[in-house]
Amino acid sequence: DAQSAAIVTLRSPVPDGAEADEQERQSLARLQEAVAAAEAMQDDAESRELARRKAELIKAYRTAIEAQVTIQGETQPLVGQPLGRRERAAARGLGAQQDSLLKTVQAIREQNSEITDSGTFDFAHRRLDSAMSSAGKLLLEGEANASVVRDQGIAVSILRSLIESLRDPEDKNEFREGPEGGGGGGGGGGGQEQKLIPPAGELRLLRMMQAEAAERTRGASETGENASPEIESVGILQRDLADLAAKLLQELSQRGSEPDAISPAERAPPDAPPNPDPGFS
């Protein structure tokens, strides 16, 4: 209407420049309002889509962890027992289930490109593949020993960490992701791009894997002389986590994100035991 009024004014025998200018300014203001409304609608739609995808991803991880816990529970009675034909057949059946679960978890990764784009989530999935593959291989061979249950336990721990890292924290300012403190799961986020896996989620996952390393170190120190393979394994994990932390810090610096406002619960480091091996750090 404003544009039409401006056209009429400009086409009149005696054009009224001031009136046309006023109508054109009204038109521009309405267009700016329309753009802002359209952007708000798009942001809202993106937020809903992001929330839907996150809920689906959490649901997929929950289904996987339930299946892994079941497989582990059925494996434990076979450990330390003489395995006859029936027990080996049962172990191979569990191996088939473990292999199927491995493929399911791999499909989750393939269907969500953000997982491979995130260094921490990609690393967690590679660890998950390794643990499940190792457990499944021995079971398929009709073997069920302590290492199988340990690898299954590692898979459960990783899946639990993935779930927890995707959940929106109760403290919405748990990690500040920019000068305005907007989180990845909020609405506008101070103009920041919303992500399926925000920096705060990556940091939570990194911290939970560090807590896992501390817990395994504690267990190894209590085991004694037979803990050498576990100490070596945790040592490799610790070095990988240190490299991952350095890369994540560099990425956050390049993005201009400063997630340094950590809640007291998150700031407290895991209660790690004394170093059980002078050569292990």
Protein backbone atom coordinates (compact mmCIF):
# COMPACT_ATOMS: atom_id res chain seq x y z
CA ASP A 1 0.00 0.00 0.00
CA ALA A 2 2.78 2.40 0.91
CA GLN A 3 4.62 1.61 -2.34
CA SER A 4 1.42 2.16 -4.34
CA ALA A 5 0.82 5.47 -2.58
CA ALA A 6 4.35 6.56 -3.39
CA ILE A 7 3.86 5.65 -7.07
CA VAL A 8 0.60 7.62 -7.28
CA THR A 9 2.24 10.63 -5.67
CA LEU A 10 5.25 10.51 -8.02
CA ARG A 11 3.02 10.13 -11.13
CA SER A 12 0.73 13.03 -10.24
CA PRO A 13 0.92 16.18 -12.41
CA VAL A 14 2.58 17.94 -9.48
CA PRO A 15 4.68 15.26 -7.70
CA ASP A 16 4.90 15.68 -3.92
CA GLY A 17 8.44 14.61 -3.11
CA ALA A 18 8.00 14.85 0.64
CA GLU A 19 4.85 12.69 0.59
CA ALA A 20 6.48 10.12 -1.71
CA ASP A 21 9.52 10.02 0.56
CA GLU A 22 7.30 9.42 3.59
CA GLN A 23 5.48 6.56 1.83
CA GLU A 24 8.78 5.02 0.69
CA ARG A 25 10.14 5.18 4.23
CA GLN A 26 7.01 3.43 5.50
CA SER A 27 7.49 0.74 2.85
CA LEU A 28 11.11 0.23 3.87
CA ALA A 29 10.17 0.02 7.55
CA ARG A 30 7.48 -2.60 6.82
CA LEU A 31 9.94 -4.63 4.75
CA GLN A 32 12.49 -4.53 7.57
CA GLU A 33 9.80 -5.71 9.99
CA ALA A 34 8.89 -8.51 7.59
CA VAL A 35 12.52 -9.60 7.30
CA ALA A 36 12.90 -9.62 11.09
CA ALA A 37 9.68 -11.64 11.48
CA ALA A 38 10.77 -14.12 8.81
CA GLU A 39 14.18 -14.54 10.43
CA ALA A 40 12.55 -15.08 13.84
CA MET A 41 10.26 -17.73 12.33
CA GLN A 42 13.24 -19.41 10.66
CA ASP A 43 15.25 -19.38 13.90
CA ASP A 44 12.29 -20.88 15.74
CA ALA A 45 11.87 -23.58 13.11
CA GLU A 46 15.60 -24.35 13.23
CA SER A 47 15.46 -24.56 17.03
CA ARG A 48 12.58 -27.03 16.88
CA GLU A 49 14.34 -29.11 14.21
CA LEU A 50 17.56 -29.09 16.22
CA ALA A 51 15.71 -30.14 19.37
CA ARG A 52 14.01 -32.95 17.43
CA ARG A 53 17.29 -34.25 16.02
CA LYS A 54 18.98 -34.06 19.42
CA ALA A 55 16.10 -35.99 21.02
CA GLU A 56 16.36 -38.65 18.31
CA LEU A 57 20.12 -38.95 18.82
CA ILE A 58 19.75 -39.30 22.58
CA LYS A 59 17.03 -41.92 22.05
CA ALA A 60 19.31 -43.88 19.70
CA TYR A 61 22.13 -43.82 22.28
CA ARG A 62 19.74 -44.91 25.04
CA THR A 63 18.54 -47.84 22.95
CA ALA A 64 22.17 -48.80 22.31
CA ILE A 65 23.16 -48.60 25.97
CA GLU A 66 20.18 -50.74 27.01
CA ALA A 67 21.22 -53.38 24.47
CA GLN A 68 24.87 -53.23 25.59
CA VAL A 69 23.96 -53.61 29.26
CA THR A 70 21.83 -56.65 28.39
CA ILE A 71 24.63 -58.27 26.38
CA GLN A 72 27.13 -57.58 29.16
CA GLY A 73 24.80 -59.03 31.77
CA GLU A 74 24.42 -62.25 29.77
CA THR A 75 28.17 -62.45 29.17
CA GLN A 76 29.25 -62.14 32.81
CA PRO A 77 28.02 -65.62 33.93
CA LEU A 78 30.25 -67.20 31.26
CA VAL A 79 33.44 -65.50 32.47
CA GLY A 80 35.75 -67.70 34.54
CA GLN A 81 33.70 -70.82 33.83
CA PRO A 82 34.75 -73.85 31.74
CA LEU A 83 33.01 -73.41 28.42
CA GLY A 84 31.45 -76.50 26.94
CA ARG A 85 29.69 -76.75 23.60
CA ARG A 86 26.51 -75.12 24.91
CA GLU A 87 28.36 -72.25 26.59
CA ARG A 88 30.47 -71.57 23.50
CA ALA A 89 27.33 -71.53 21.38
CA ALA A 90 25.84 -69.02 23.83
CA ALA A 91 29.00 -66.92 23.61
CA ARG A 92 28.86 -66.92 19.81
CA GLY A 93 25.21 -65.87 19.97
CA LEU A 94 26.18 -62.96 22.21
CA GLY A 95 28.98 -62.16 19.77
CA ALA A 96 26.44 -61.89 16.96
CA GLN A 97 24.37 -59.51 19.09
CA GLN A 98 27.47 -57.47 19.90
CA ASP A 99 28.40 -57.26 16.23
CA SER A 100 24.86 -56.17 15.34
CA LEU A 101 24.99 -53.47 18.00
CA LEU A 102 28.33 -52.30 16.63
CA LYS A 103 26.76 -51.84 13.20
CA THR A 104 23.87 -49.93 14.77
CA VAL A 105 26.23 -47.52 16.52
CA GLN A 106 28.26 -47.07 13.34
CA ALA A 107 25.03 -46.20 11.50
CA ILE A 108 24.28 -43.50 14.09
CA ARG A 109 27.63 -41.93 13.31
CA GLU A 110 27.11 -42.16 9.55
CA GLN A 111 23.65 -40.61 9.74
CA ASN A 112 24.83 -37.55 11.70
CA SER A 113 27.63 -35.66 9.98
CA GLU A 114 28.02 -33.42 13.05
CA ILE A 115 29.51 -36.38 14.92
CA THR A 116 32.44 -36.71 12.53
CA ASP A 117 32.79 -32.91 12.49
CA SER A 118 33.20 -32.89 16.28
CA GLY A 119 36.63 -34.05 17.39
CA THR A 120 35.41 -35.23 20.79
CA PHE A 121 32.31 -37.09 19.54
CA ASP A 122 34.23 -38.66 16.67
CA PHE A 123 36.93 -39.81 19.10
CA ALA A 124 34.29 -41.25 21.45
CA HIS A 125 32.70 -43.17 18.57
CA ARG A 126 36.06 -44.55 17.46
CA ARG A 127 36.65 -45.78 21.01
CA LEU A 128 33.13 -47.23 21.02
CA ASP A 129 33.81 -49.09 17.76
CA SER A 130 37.07 -50.46 19.11
CA ALA A 131 35.59 -51.67 22.42
CA MET A 132 32.54 -53.29 20.81
CA SER A 133 34.59 -54.83 18.01
CA SER A 134 37.11 -56.32 20.46
CA ALA A 135 34.37 -57.79 22.67
CA GLY A 136 32.40 -59.12 19.70
CA LYS A 137 35.41 -60.78 18.09
CA LEU A 138 36.22 -62.90 21.14
CA LEU A 139 32.58 -63.83 21.70
CA LEU A 140 32.18 -64.90 18.08
CA GLU A 141 35.16 -67.21 18.62
CA GLY A 142 33.30 -68.80 21.53
CA GLU A 143 35.43 -67.09 24.17
CA ALA A 144 34.21 -65.10 27.16
CA ASN A 145 36.85 -63.71 29.49
CA ALA A 146 37.35 -60.68 31.73
CA SER A 147 38.61 -58.53 28.85
CA VAL A 148 35.30 -59.01 27.02
CA VAL A 149 33.29 -57.74 29.99
CA ARG A 150 35.78 -54.90 30.49
CA ASP A 151 35.38 -53.78 26.86
CA GLN A 152 31.62 -54.01 27.18
CA GLY A 153 31.82 -51.87 30.32
CA ILE A 154 33.89 -49.29 28.44
CA ALA A 155 31.22 -49.22 25.71
CA VAL A 156 28.52 -48.63 28.34
CA SER A 157 30.57 -45.81 29.87
CA ILE A 158 31.11 -44.11 26.51
CA LEU A 159 27.44 -44.36 25.55
CA ARG A 160 26.43 -42.89 28.91
CA SER A 161 28.86 -40.01 28.42
CA LEU A 162 27.48 -39.33 24.93
CA ILE A 163 23.95 -39.13 26.32
CA GLU A 164 24.87 -36.86 29.21
CA SER A 165 26.90 -34.52 27.02
CA LEU A 166 23.90 -33.94 24.72
CA ARG A 167 21.49 -33.14 27.52
CA ASP A 168 20.79 -29.48 28.18
CA PRO A 169 22.44 -28.68 31.53
CA GLU A 170 20.28 -27.31 34.32
CA ASP A 171 22.58 -24.32 34.48
CA LYS A 172 22.04 -22.72 31.07
CA ASN A 173 25.22 -20.65 31.55
CA GLU A 174 27.30 -23.70 32.42
CA PHE A 175 29.70 -22.79 29.65
CA ARG A 176 29.81 -19.29 28.21
CA GLU A 177 30.08 -19.57 24.43
CA GLY A 178 30.63 -15.95 23.64
CA PRO A 179 30.60 -12.40 24.99
CA GLU A 180 26.83 -12.56 25.52
CA GLY A 181 26.90 -16.00 27.17
CA GLY A 182 24.46 -17.63 24.75
CA GLY A 183 24.35 -21.43 24.86
CA GLY A 184 24.06 -23.83 21.98
CA GLY A 185 20.62 -24.99 22.99
CA GLY A 186 18.98 -21.61 23.49
CA GLY A 187 16.98 -19.51 21.12
CA GLY A 188 19.05 -16.78 19.48
CA GLY A 189 22.27 -17.46 21.38
CA GLY A 190 23.40 -13.85 20.88
CA GLY A 191 23.33 -14.36 17.10
CA GLN A 192 25.47 -17.48 17.23
CA GLU A 193 24.78 -20.44 15.01
CA GLN A 194 22.90 -23.21 16.78
CA LYS A 195 24.51 -26.63 16.62
CA LEU A 196 23.52 -30.20 17.29
CA ILE A 197 26.78 -30.57 19.23
CA PRO A 198 27.66 -27.19 20.79
CA PRO A 199 31.10 -26.45 22.32
CA ALA A 200 29.64 -26.96 25.81
CA GLY A 201 28.59 -30.48 24.82
CA GLU A 202 32.07 -31.25 23.53
CA LEU A 203 33.59 -30.02 26.79
CA ARG A 204 31.18 -32.09 28.88
CA LEU A 205 32.06 -35.20 26.87
CA LEU A 206 35.78 -34.51 27.23
CA ARG A 207 35.41 -34.09 30.98
CA MET A 208 33.42 -37.31 31.35
CA MET A 209 36.04 -39.26 29.40
CA GLN A 210 38.67 -37.74 31.71
CA ALA A 211 36.62 -38.93 34.69
CA GLU A 212 36.54 -42.40 33.12
CA ALA A 213 40.34 -42.35 32.80
CA ALA A 214 40.65 -41.36 36.47
CA GLU A 215 38.28 -44.14 37.55
CA ARG A 216 40.18 -46.73 35.53
CA THR A 217 43.46 -45.47 36.98
CA ARG A 218 42.01 -45.89 40.45
CA GLY A 219 40.95 -49.44 39.63
CA ALA A 220 44.36 -50.27 38.19
CA SER A 221 46.17 -48.95 41.26
CA GLU A 222 44.01 -51.14 43.49
CA THR A 223 44.54 -54.25 41.35
CA GLY A 224 48.31 -54.32 41.71
CA GLU A 225 50.80 -56.23 39.58
CA ASN A 226 48.23 -57.63 37.14
CA ALA A 227 47.17 -54.13 36.12
CA SER A 228 49.97 -53.48 33.59
CA PRO A 229 47.79 -53.93 30.44
CA GLU A 230 45.08 -51.69 31.92
CA ILE A 231 47.64 -49.05 32.93
CA GLU A 232 49.04 -49.07 29.41
CA SER A 233 45.54 -48.77 27.95
CA VAL A 234 44.62 -45.86 30.23
CA GLY A 235 47.95 -44.22 29.49
CA ILE A 236 47.14 -44.21 25.77
CA LEU A 237 43.66 -42.85 26.53
CA GLN A 238 45.12 -40.09 28.68
CA ARG A 239 47.55 -39.01 25.97
CA ASP A 240 44.73 -39.01 23.40
CA LEU A 241 42.55 -36.90 25.72
CA ALA A 242 45.39 -34.40 26.19
CA ASP A 243 45.78 -34.07 22.41
CA LEU A 244 42.01 -33.79 22.01
CA ALA A 245 41.80 -31.06 24.64
CA ALA A 246 44.54 -29.06 22.91
CA LYS A 247 42.78 -29.35 19.53
CA LEU A 248 39.42 -28.38 21.03
CA LEU A 249 40.94 -25.32 22.70
CA GLN A 250 42.46 -24.27 19.38
CA GLU A 251 39.13 -24.75 17.57
CA LEU A 252 37.25 -22.72 20.18
CA SER A 253 39.83 -19.95 19.93
CA GLN A 254 39.42 -19.86 16.15
CA ARG A 255 35.61 -19.73 16.51
CA GLY A 256 35.94 -16.88 18.98
CA SER A 257 34.22 -18.93 21.68
CA GLU A 258 35.37 -18.73 25.28
CA PRO A 259 33.53 -21.41 27.29
CA ASP A 260 35.31 -20.48 30.49
CA ALA A 261 32.28 -19.92 32.72
CA ILE A 262 32.06 -23.42 34.11
CA SER A 263 29.69 -24.33 36.91
CA PRO A 264 31.31 -25.33 40.23
CA ALA A 265 30.28 -28.96 39.72
CA GLU A 266 31.92 -29.03 36.30
CA ARG A 267 34.98 -27.10 37.46
CA ALA A 268 35.87 -29.68 40.11
CA PRO A 269 38.28 -32.23 38.57
CA PRO A 270 37.73 -35.99 38.96
CA ASP A 271 39.16 -37.39 42.18
CA ALA A 272 42.11 -39.23 40.68
CA PRO A 273 44.19 -41.59 42.84
CA PRO A 274 47.95 -41.38 43.22
CA ASN A 275 49.92 -42.43 40.14
CA PRO A 276 50.26 -46.23 40.35
CA ASP A 277 53.21 -46.29 37.97
CA PRO A 278 56.10 -43.76 37.94
CA GLY A 279 56.26 -44.12 34.15
CA PHE A 280 52.55 -43.54 33.65
CA SER A 281 51.11 -40.03 33.31
